[in-house]
């Protein structure tokens, strides 16, 4: 299994979210300083979960700082 954890180090003034794009389950995560998001990317057999498909949105004002790391279990 692979999971991702993303933490925001600063407030985001405009843009810079993470969008999940699975049809019927669309989600936009907009980070705030001190917040964290966690999601599971694959099953135990390393098959990618369809609802884990995501991408970063453009940052409109360059104050976006985040840190992410991936766990393999």
N, C-alpha and C. Protein backbone atom coordinates (compact mmCIF):
# COMPACT_ATOMS: atom_id res chain seq x y z
N UNK A 1 0.84 -1.17 0.00
CA UNK A 1 0.00 0.00 0.00
C UNK A 1 0.89 1.24 0.00
N UNK A 2 0.49 2.25 -0.74
CA UNK A 2 1.19 3.52 -0.75
C UNK A 2 0.20 4.60 -0.35
N UNK A 3 0.61 5.48 0.56
CA UNK A 3 -0.22 6.58 1.02
C UNK A 3 0.58 7.87 0.97
N UNK A 4 -0.12 8.99 0.82
CA UNK A 4 0.53 10.29 0.77
C UNK A 4 0.00 11.17 1.89
N UNK A 5 0.90 11.94 2.47
CA UNK A 5 0.56 12.90 3.51
C UNK A 5 1.13 14.25 3.07
N UNK A 6 0.30 15.28 3.05
CA UNK A 6 0.75 16.61 2.64
C UNK A 6 0.45 17.59 3.77
N UNK A 7 1.45 18.38 4.16
CA UNK A 7 1.29 19.36 5.23
C UNK A 7 1.57 20.75 4.67
N UNK A 8 0.81 21.75 5.12
CA UNK A 8 0.99 23.13 4.68
C UNK A 8 1.77 23.89 5.74
N UNK A 9 2.85 24.53 5.31
CA UNK A 9 3.73 25.26 6.21
C UNK A 9 3.34 26.73 6.32
N UNK A 10 2.59 27.24 5.35
CA UNK A 10 2.12 28.63 5.33
C UNK A 10 0.68 28.68 4.86
N UNK A 11 0.01 29.79 5.13
CA UNK A 11 -1.31 30.00 4.55
C UNK A 11 -1.16 30.25 3.07
N UNK A 12 -2.12 29.82 2.29
CA UNK A 12 -2.11 30.00 0.84
C UNK A 12 -3.06 31.15 0.53
N UNK A 13 -2.55 32.18 -0.13
CA UNK A 13 -3.38 33.37 -0.39
C UNK A 13 -4.30 33.17 -1.59
N UNK A 14 -3.84 32.50 -2.63
CA UNK A 14 -4.67 32.29 -3.82
C UNK A 14 -4.13 31.12 -4.62
N UNK A 15 -5.01 30.16 -4.93
CA UNK A 15 -4.62 29.00 -5.71
C UNK A 15 -3.83 28.00 -4.90
N UNK A 16 -3.18 27.08 -5.61
CA UNK A 16 -2.30 26.12 -4.97
C UNK A 16 -2.97 24.95 -4.29
N UNK A 17 -4.23 24.69 -4.59
CA UNK A 17 -4.93 23.56 -3.98
C UNK A 17 -4.52 22.24 -4.63
N UNK A 18 -5.02 21.17 -4.06
CA UNK A 18 -4.84 19.83 -4.63
C UNK A 18 -6.22 19.33 -5.02
N UNK A 19 -6.40 18.99 -6.30
CA UNK A 19 -7.70 18.58 -6.82
C UNK A 19 -7.73 17.09 -7.09
N UNK A 20 -8.76 16.43 -6.59
CA UNK A 20 -9.02 15.02 -6.88
C UNK A 20 -10.13 15.01 -7.93
N UNK A 21 -9.92 14.25 -9.02
CA UNK A 21 -10.75 14.41 -10.21
C UNK A 21 -11.55 13.17 -10.60
N UNK A 22 -11.71 12.21 -9.70
CA UNK A 22 -12.50 11.01 -10.03
C UNK A 22 -13.96 11.42 -10.25
N UNK A 23 -14.56 11.06 -11.40
CA UNK A 23 -15.94 11.46 -11.68
C UNK A 23 -16.90 11.06 -10.56
N UNK A 24 -17.70 12.03 -10.14
CA UNK A 24 -18.66 11.81 -9.07
C UNK A 24 -18.09 11.97 -7.67
N UNK A 25 -16.78 12.10 -7.57
CA UNK A 25 -16.12 12.27 -6.27
C UNK A 25 -15.11 13.41 -6.32
N UNK A 26 -15.42 14.47 -7.07
CA UNK A 26 -14.49 15.59 -7.20
C UNK A 26 -14.30 16.26 -5.85
N UNK A 27 -13.06 16.68 -5.58
CA UNK A 27 -12.72 17.30 -4.29
C UNK A 27 -11.56 18.25 -4.50
N UNK A 28 -11.63 19.43 -3.87
CA UNK A 28 -10.53 20.38 -3.88
C UNK A 28 -10.10 20.62 -2.44
N UNK A 29 -8.84 20.34 -2.16
CA UNK A 29 -8.28 20.59 -0.83
C UNK A 29 -7.48 21.88 -0.91
N UNK A 30 -7.87 22.86 -0.10
CA UNK A 30 -7.16 24.13 -0.03
C UNK A 30 -6.51 24.21 1.34
N UNK A 31 -5.20 24.17 1.37
CA UNK A 31 -4.48 24.10 2.63
C UNK A 31 -4.44 25.40 3.41
N UNK A 32 -4.33 25.25 4.71
CA UNK A 32 -4.11 26.37 5.63
C UNK A 32 -2.92 26.02 6.50
N UNK A 33 -2.20 27.02 6.94
CA UNK A 33 -1.02 26.81 7.76
C UNK A 33 -1.32 25.85 8.91
N UNK A 34 -0.49 24.83 9.04
CA UNK A 34 -0.64 23.85 10.11
C UNK A 34 -1.59 22.70 9.80
N UNK A 35 -2.22 22.70 8.62
CA UNK A 35 -3.13 21.61 8.28
C UNK A 35 -2.40 20.51 7.51
N UNK A 36 -3.04 19.35 7.44
CA UNK A 36 -2.44 18.21 6.76
C UNK A 36 -3.54 17.40 6.08
N UNK A 37 -3.22 16.85 4.94
CA UNK A 37 -4.13 15.96 4.21
C UNK A 37 -3.45 14.60 4.07
N UNK A 38 -4.23 13.54 4.12
CA UNK A 38 -3.72 12.18 4.01
C UNK A 38 -4.66 11.39 3.11
N UNK A 39 -4.09 10.66 2.15
CA UNK A 39 -4.92 9.79 1.33
C UNK A 39 -4.11 8.56 0.94
N UNK A 40 -4.85 7.50 0.64
CA UNK A 40 -4.25 6.23 0.22
C UNK A 40 -4.27 6.19 -1.30
N UNK A 41 -3.10 5.92 -1.90
CA UNK A 41 -2.95 5.93 -3.35
C UNK A 41 -3.15 4.56 -4.00
N UNK A 42 -2.71 3.50 -3.33
CA UNK A 42 -2.78 2.16 -3.91
C UNK A 42 -3.30 1.15 -2.91
N UNK A 43 -3.76 0.04 -3.45
CA UNK A 43 -4.13 -1.10 -2.60
C UNK A 43 -2.85 -1.83 -2.19
N UNK A 44 -3.00 -2.84 -1.37
CA UNK A 44 -1.85 -3.62 -0.91
C UNK A 44 -1.09 -4.26 -2.07
N UNK A 45 -1.79 -4.58 -3.17
CA UNK A 45 -1.14 -5.18 -4.34
C UNK A 45 -0.53 -4.12 -5.27
N UNK A 46 -0.47 -2.88 -4.82
CA UNK A 46 0.06 -1.70 -5.53
C UNK A 46 -0.78 -1.27 -6.73
N UNK A 47 -2.01 -1.78 -6.85
CA UNK A 47 -2.91 -1.29 -7.90
C UNK A 47 -3.41 0.09 -7.48
N UNK A 48 -3.25 1.06 -8.37
CA UNK A 48 -3.64 2.44 -8.07
C UNK A 48 -5.16 2.53 -7.92
N UNK A 49 -5.60 3.20 -6.86
CA UNK A 49 -7.02 3.40 -6.63
C UNK A 49 -7.52 4.50 -7.56
N UNK A 50 -8.63 4.28 -8.28
CA UNK A 50 -9.09 5.27 -9.25
C UNK A 50 -9.45 6.62 -8.62
N UNK A 51 -9.95 6.63 -7.40
CA UNK A 51 -10.32 7.90 -6.78
C UNK A 51 -9.13 8.63 -6.15
N UNK A 52 -7.92 8.09 -6.29
CA UNK A 52 -6.72 8.76 -5.78
C UNK A 52 -6.07 9.66 -6.83
N UNK A 53 -6.63 9.69 -8.04
CA UNK A 53 -6.07 10.52 -9.10
C UNK A 53 -6.21 11.99 -8.72
N UNK A 54 -5.09 12.72 -8.70
CA UNK A 54 -5.11 14.11 -8.25
C UNK A 54 -4.01 14.91 -8.94
N UNK A 55 -4.08 16.22 -8.76
CA UNK A 55 -3.08 17.11 -9.32
C UNK A 55 -3.05 18.42 -8.57
N UNK A 56 -1.94 19.11 -8.69
CA UNK A 56 -1.78 20.41 -8.04
C UNK A 56 -2.35 21.53 -8.90
N UNK A 57 -3.06 22.44 -8.26
CA UNK A 57 -3.60 23.62 -8.96
C UNK A 57 -2.55 24.73 -8.98
N UNK A 58 -2.57 25.57 -9.99
CA UNK A 58 -1.58 26.66 -10.07
C UNK A 58 -1.68 27.60 -8.88
N UNK A 59 -0.54 28.11 -8.45
CA UNK A 59 -0.48 29.09 -7.38
C UNK A 59 -0.57 30.47 -8.00
N UNK A 60 -1.56 31.27 -7.56
CA UNK A 60 -1.75 32.61 -8.12
C UNK A 60 -0.82 33.63 -7.47
N UNK A 61 -0.59 33.48 -6.17
CA UNK A 61 0.31 34.37 -5.43
C UNK A 61 1.37 33.50 -4.80
N UNK A 62 2.63 33.74 -5.08
CA UNK A 62 3.73 32.85 -4.71
C UNK A 62 4.06 32.85 -3.21
N UNK A 63 3.12 32.37 -2.38
CA UNK A 63 3.41 32.21 -0.96
C UNK A 63 3.11 30.78 -0.51
N UNK A 64 2.87 29.90 -1.47
CA UNK A 64 2.48 28.53 -1.17
C UNK A 64 3.70 27.70 -0.79
N UNK A 65 3.72 27.20 0.43
CA UNK A 65 4.77 26.28 0.85
C UNK A 65 4.11 25.07 1.47
N UNK A 66 4.46 23.93 0.96
CA UNK A 66 3.93 22.69 1.53
C UNK A 66 5.04 21.66 1.51
N UNK A 67 4.82 20.61 2.26
CA UNK A 67 5.77 19.52 2.29
C UNK A 67 4.94 18.25 2.17
N UNK A 68 5.36 17.34 1.34
CA UNK A 68 4.62 16.08 1.23
C UNK A 68 5.60 14.92 1.27
N UNK A 69 5.09 13.80 1.69
CA UNK A 69 5.90 12.60 1.73
C UNK A 69 5.00 11.41 1.48
N UNK A 70 5.56 10.36 0.96
CA UNK A 70 4.80 9.17 0.60
C UNK A 70 5.28 7.99 1.45
N UNK A 71 4.32 7.26 1.98
CA UNK A 71 4.62 6.07 2.76
C UNK A 71 4.34 4.82 1.93
N UNK A 72 5.21 3.86 1.99
CA UNK A 72 4.95 2.56 1.40
C UNK A 72 4.82 1.57 2.53
N UNK A 73 3.66 0.92 2.61
CA UNK A 73 3.40 -0.03 3.70
C UNK A 73 3.29 -1.42 3.14
